């Protein structure tokens, strides 16, 4: 008998959760939108890394039925780190371009 690995949840339409997500990630008056984007990316890296470490622990102790989940968690964590690095690189490129502008 086959059992599903994870319960499937239906996708929500784009923009349906926009107001809820804005309320969750409310920007403080002194924080810029760029700061909020970086904070969100850093939190994403932390969450995916914690998920990967938990998956590794479960695999090492034999508590998981799905060893492929560890590889998926590793890929998610790697992708989150790569995205954060690209955001940093683009921000540094934009800053260097701004410093070259003669006023």
N, C-alpha and C. Protein backbone atom coordinates (compact mmCIF):
# COMPACT_ATOMS: atom_id res chain seq x y z
N UNK A 1 0.83 -1.18 0.00
CA UNK A 1 0.00 0.00 0.00
C UNK A 1 0.88 1.24 0.00
N UNK A 2 0.60 2.17 -0.88
CA UNK A 2 1.36 3.40 -0.98
C UNK A 2 0.71 4.50 -0.14
N UNK A 3 1.56 5.24 0.53
CA UNK A 3 1.06 6.40 1.28
C UNK A 3 1.77 7.63 0.76
N UNK A 4 1.08 8.77 0.68
CA UNK A 4 1.73 9.98 0.17
C UNK A 4 2.81 10.45 1.13
N UNK A 5 3.88 11.02 0.54
CA UNK A 5 4.99 11.52 1.35
C UNK A 5 4.58 12.77 2.12
N UNK A 6 3.92 13.67 1.43
CA UNK A 6 3.48 14.91 2.04
C UNK A 6 2.07 15.21 1.57
N UNK A 7 1.31 15.82 2.43
CA UNK A 7 -0.05 16.17 2.06
C UNK A 7 0.00 17.33 1.07
N UNK A 8 -0.72 17.18 -0.02
CA UNK A 8 -0.76 18.22 -1.04
C UNK A 8 -1.76 19.30 -0.64
N UNK A 9 -1.36 20.54 -0.81
CA UNK A 9 -2.26 21.65 -0.53
C UNK A 9 -2.53 22.38 -1.82
N UNK A 10 -3.74 22.86 -2.02
CA UNK A 10 -4.05 23.56 -3.27
C UNK A 10 -3.32 24.90 -3.34
N UNK A 11 -3.00 25.29 -4.56
CA UNK A 11 -2.34 26.57 -4.77
C UNK A 11 -3.36 27.70 -4.67
N UNK A 12 -2.93 28.81 -4.12
CA UNK A 12 -3.80 29.98 -4.05
C UNK A 12 -3.49 30.88 -5.23
N UNK A 13 -4.46 31.61 -5.72
CA UNK A 13 -4.21 32.51 -6.85
C UNK A 13 -3.22 33.60 -6.47
N UNK A 14 -2.49 34.07 -7.47
CA UNK A 14 -1.52 35.15 -7.22
C UNK A 14 -2.25 36.38 -6.71
N UNK A 15 -1.68 37.02 -5.71
CA UNK A 15 -2.25 38.24 -5.18
C UNK A 15 -3.28 38.00 -4.09
N UNK A 16 -3.74 36.77 -3.89
CA UNK A 16 -4.76 36.50 -2.88
C UNK A 16 -4.20 36.70 -1.48
N UNK A 17 -2.97 36.30 -1.27
CA UNK A 17 -2.36 36.42 0.05
C UNK A 17 -1.48 37.66 0.18
N UNK A 18 -1.56 38.54 -0.78
CA UNK A 18 -0.69 39.71 -0.79
C UNK A 18 -0.90 40.58 0.46
N UNK A 19 -2.16 40.82 0.82
CA UNK A 19 -2.43 41.66 1.99
C UNK A 19 -1.98 40.97 3.27
N UNK A 20 -2.19 39.65 3.35
CA UNK A 20 -1.76 38.92 4.53
C UNK A 20 -0.24 38.92 4.66
N UNK A 21 0.47 38.75 3.55
CA UNK A 21 1.93 38.73 3.62
C UNK A 21 2.48 40.11 3.96
N UNK A 22 1.81 41.15 3.48
CA UNK A 22 2.26 42.50 3.83
C UNK A 22 2.06 42.77 5.31
N UNK A 23 0.99 42.26 5.86
CA UNK A 23 0.75 42.46 7.29
C UNK A 23 1.78 41.70 8.11
N UNK A 24 2.19 40.52 7.66
CA UNK A 24 3.18 39.73 8.38
C UNK A 24 4.56 40.38 8.33
N UNK A 25 4.91 40.91 7.17
CA UNK A 25 6.24 41.50 6.99
C UNK A 25 6.14 43.02 6.95
N UNK A 26 5.49 43.57 7.95
CA UNK A 26 5.32 45.02 8.00
C UNK A 26 6.69 45.68 8.17
N UNK A 27 6.91 46.70 7.40
CA UNK A 27 8.18 47.41 7.43
C UNK A 27 8.08 48.50 8.48
N UNK A 28 9.06 48.54 9.37
CA UNK A 28 9.07 49.60 10.37
C UNK A 28 9.37 50.93 9.68
N UNK A 29 8.97 52.04 10.29
CA UNK A 29 9.13 53.34 9.63
C UNK A 29 10.57 53.67 9.26
N UNK A 30 11.55 53.20 10.03
CA UNK A 30 12.94 53.54 9.72
C UNK A 30 13.61 52.54 8.79
N UNK A 31 12.94 51.42 8.49
CA UNK A 31 13.54 50.42 7.62
C UNK A 31 13.11 50.66 6.17
N UNK A 32 14.09 50.59 5.27
CA UNK A 32 13.81 50.80 3.85
C UNK A 32 13.26 49.52 3.22
N UNK A 33 12.64 49.65 2.06
CA UNK A 33 12.18 48.44 1.37
C UNK A 33 13.33 47.50 1.02
N UNK A 34 14.51 48.05 0.71
CA UNK A 34 15.66 47.21 0.41
C UNK A 34 16.06 46.41 1.65
N UNK A 35 16.00 47.04 2.80
CA UNK A 35 16.31 46.34 4.05
C UNK A 35 15.33 45.20 4.30
N UNK A 36 14.07 45.45 4.00
CA UNK A 36 13.05 44.41 4.18
C UNK A 36 13.30 43.23 3.25
N UNK A 37 13.72 43.52 2.02
CA UNK A 37 14.02 42.45 1.06
C UNK A 37 15.19 41.61 1.55
N UNK A 38 16.25 42.27 2.02
CA UNK A 38 17.41 41.52 2.51
C UNK A 38 17.07 40.75 3.77
N UNK A 39 16.28 41.35 4.65
CA UNK A 39 15.89 40.65 5.88
C UNK A 39 15.08 39.40 5.53
N UNK A 40 14.20 39.53 4.56
CA UNK A 40 13.40 38.38 4.12
C UNK A 40 14.29 37.29 3.53
N UNK A 41 15.28 37.68 2.73
CA UNK A 41 16.19 36.70 2.13
C UNK A 41 17.03 36.01 3.20
N UNK A 42 17.47 36.75 4.19
CA UNK A 42 18.27 36.16 5.28
C UNK A 42 17.42 35.20 6.09
N UNK A 43 16.18 35.58 6.37
CA UNK A 43 15.28 34.68 7.10
C UNK A 43 15.01 33.42 6.30
N UNK A 44 14.89 33.55 4.99
CA UNK A 44 14.68 32.38 4.13
C UNK A 44 15.88 31.44 4.20
N UNK A 45 17.08 31.99 4.21
CA UNK A 45 18.29 31.17 4.32
C UNK A 45 18.31 30.45 5.67
N UNK A 46 17.96 31.15 6.73
CA UNK A 46 17.94 30.53 8.06
C UNK A 46 16.93 29.39 8.13
N UNK A 47 15.73 29.62 7.57
CA UNK A 47 14.68 28.60 7.62
C UNK A 47 15.06 27.36 6.81
N UNK A 48 15.58 27.58 5.60
CA UNK A 48 15.92 26.43 4.77
C UNK A 48 17.12 25.67 5.34
N UNK A 49 18.04 26.38 5.98
CA UNK A 49 19.19 25.70 6.60
C UNK A 49 18.72 24.87 7.79
N UNK A 50 17.80 25.40 8.58
CA UNK A 50 17.27 24.64 9.71
C UNK A 50 16.51 23.40 9.22
N UNK A 51 15.76 23.56 8.13
CA UNK A 51 15.04 22.42 7.55
C UNK A 51 16.02 21.36 7.06
N UNK A 52 17.11 21.78 6.44
CA UNK A 52 18.13 20.85 5.94
C UNK A 52 18.80 20.11 7.09
N UNK A 53 19.16 20.83 8.14
CA UNK A 53 19.81 20.19 9.29
C UNK A 53 18.88 19.19 9.96
N UNK A 54 17.61 19.54 10.07
CA UNK A 54 16.63 18.62 10.65
C UNK A 54 16.49 17.37 9.79
N UNK A 55 16.47 17.56 8.47
CA UNK A 55 16.36 16.44 7.56
C UNK A 55 17.59 15.54 7.63
N UNK A 56 18.77 16.15 7.76
CA UNK A 56 20.00 15.37 7.91
C UNK A 56 19.97 14.55 9.19
N UNK A 57 19.50 15.16 10.28
CA UNK A 57 19.43 14.46 11.55
C UNK A 57 18.48 13.27 11.46
N UNK A 58 17.31 13.50 10.85
CA UNK A 58 16.34 12.42 10.72
C UNK A 58 16.89 11.29 9.86
N UNK A 59 17.62 11.64 8.81
CA UNK A 59 18.22 10.62 7.95
C UNK A 59 19.31 9.84 8.69
N UNK A 60 20.14 10.55 9.43
CA UNK A 60 21.25 9.90 10.14
C UNK A 60 20.75 8.98 11.26
N UNK A 61 19.63 9.33 11.87
CA UNK A 61 19.11 8.51 12.96
C UNK A 61 18.10 7.47 12.48
N UNK A 62 17.81 7.45 11.19
CA UNK A 62 16.90 6.46 10.64
C UNK A 62 15.44 6.73 10.92
N UNK A 63 15.10 7.96 11.20
CA UNK A 63 13.73 8.31 11.54
C UNK A 63 12.91 8.78 10.36
N UNK A 64 13.49 8.80 9.17
CA UNK A 64 12.76 9.28 8.00
C UNK A 64 12.45 8.12 7.06
N UNK A 65 11.30 8.22 6.41
CA UNK A 65 10.91 7.22 5.43
C UNK A 65 11.29 7.64 4.02
N UNK A 66 11.74 8.88 3.86
CA UNK A 66 12.01 9.43 2.54
C UNK A 66 13.40 10.06 2.50
N UNK A 67 14.42 9.31 2.11
CA UNK A 67 15.77 9.90 2.06
C UNK A 67 15.92 10.96 0.98
N UNK A 68 15.04 10.96 -0.02
CA UNK A 68 15.12 11.99 -1.06
C UNK A 68 14.78 13.37 -0.51
N UNK A 69 14.04 13.42 0.59
CA UNK A 69 13.69 14.70 1.20
C UNK A 69 14.93 15.45 1.67
N UNK A 70 15.96 14.71 2.06
CA UNK A 70 17.21 15.35 2.49
C UNK A 70 17.87 16.05 1.31
N UNK A 71 17.88 15.41 0.16
CA UNK A 71 18.47 16.03 -1.02
C UNK A 71 17.66 17.25 -1.46
N UNK A 72 16.36 17.17 -1.36
CA UNK A 72 15.52 18.31 -1.72
C UNK A 72 15.77 19.46 -0.77
N UNK A 73 15.87 19.17 0.53
CA UNK A 73 16.15 20.21 1.51
C UNK A 73 17.53 20.83 1.27
N UNK A 74 18.50 20.02 0.86
CA UNK A 74 19.84 20.54 0.56
C UNK A 74 19.79 21.48 -0.63
N UNK A 75 19.04 21.10 -1.65
CA UNK A 75 18.92 21.95 -2.84
C UNK A 75 18.21 23.26 -2.52
N UNK A 76 17.16 23.19 -1.69
CA UNK A 76 16.46 24.42 -1.29
C UNK A 76 17.40 25.35 -0.52
N UNK A 77 18.17 24.78 0.38
CA UNK A 77 19.11 25.58 1.17
C UNK A 77 20.17 26.21 0.28
N UNK A 78 20.70 25.43 -0.65
CA UNK A 78 21.72 25.96 -1.56
C UNK A 78 21.15 27.06 -2.44
N UNK A 79 19.94 26.88 -2.92
CA UNK A 79 19.30 27.89 -3.76
C UNK A 79 19.04 29.18 -2.98
N UNK A 80 18.63 29.07 -1.73
CA UNK A 80 18.38 30.25 -0.91
C UNK A 80 19.67 31.03 -0.68
N UNK A 81 20.77 30.31 -0.42
CA UNK A 81 22.06 30.98 -0.22
C UNK A 81 22.52 31.66 -1.51
N UNK A 82 22.37 30.97 -2.64
CA UNK A 82 22.76 31.56 -3.92
C UNK A 82 21.94 32.82 -4.23
N UNK A 83 20.65 32.80 -3.91
CA UNK A 83 19.83 33.98 -4.15
C UNK A 83 20.28 35.15 -3.27
N UNK A 84 20.61 34.88 -2.02
CA UNK A 84 21.09 35.93 -1.13
C UNK A 84 22.42 36.50 -1.64
N UNK A 85 23.30 35.65 -2.12
CA UNK A 85 24.58 36.12 -2.66
C UNK A 85 24.34 37.00 -3.89
N UNK A 86 23.43 36.59 -4.76
CA UNK A 86 23.14 37.40 -5.95
C UNK A 86 22.51 38.74 -5.58
N UNK A 87 21.64 38.75 -4.57
CA UNK A 87 21.07 40.02 -4.10
C UNK A 87 22.17 40.95 -3.58
N UNK A 88 23.09 40.38 -2.82
CA UNK A 88 24.20 41.18 -2.31
C UNK A 88 25.05 41.73 -3.44
N UNK A 89 25.37 40.88 -4.42
CA UNK A 89 26.19 41.33 -5.54
C UNK A 89 25.52 42.44 -6.33
N UNK A 90 24.22 42.31 -6.56
CA UNK A 90 23.48 43.34 -7.31
C UNK A 90 23.43 44.64 -6.52
N UNK A 91 23.26 44.55 -5.20
CA UNK A 91 23.24 45.75 -4.38
C UNK A 91 24.60 46.45 -4.39
N UNK A 92 25.67 45.67 -4.33
CA UNK A 92 27.01 46.26 -4.39
C UNK A 92 27.29 46.89 -5.76
N UNK A 93 26.82 46.25 -6.83
CA UNK A 93 26.97 46.82 -8.17
C UNK A 93 26.21 48.14 -8.28
N UNK A 94 24.99 48.17 -7.75
CA UNK A 94 24.20 49.39 -7.80
C UNK A 94 24.86 50.50 -6.99
N UNK A 95 25.41 50.15 -5.82
CA UNK A 95 26.08 51.15 -5.00
C UNK A 95 27.31 51.70 -5.72
N UNK A 96 28.08 50.84 -6.35
CA UNK A 96 29.28 51.32 -7.04
C UNK A 96 28.90 52.20 -8.23
N UNK A 97 27.80 51.88 -8.90
CA UNK A 97 27.32 52.74 -9.99
C UNK A 97 26.89 54.11 -9.48
N UNK A 98 26.24 54.12 -8.33
CA UNK A 98 25.80 55.39 -7.75
C UNK A 98 26.98 56.25 -7.32
N UNK A 99 28.04 55.62 -6.82
CA UNK A 99 29.20 56.40 -6.41
C UNK A 99 29.97 56.96 -7.59
N UNK A 100 29.79 56.41 -8.77
CA UNK A 100 30.47 56.92 -9.96
C UNK A 100 29.74 58.08 -10.63
N UNK A 101 28.52 58.35 -10.20
CA UNK A 101 27.74 59.42 -10.80
C UNK A 101 28.33 60.76 -10.36
N UNK A 102 28.60 61.64 -11.31
CA UNK A 102 29.09 62.98 -11.00
C UNK A 102 27.90 63.94 -10.97
N UNK A 103 27.77 64.65 -9.87
CA UNK A 103 26.70 65.61 -9.76
C UNK A 103 27.20 67.02 -9.89
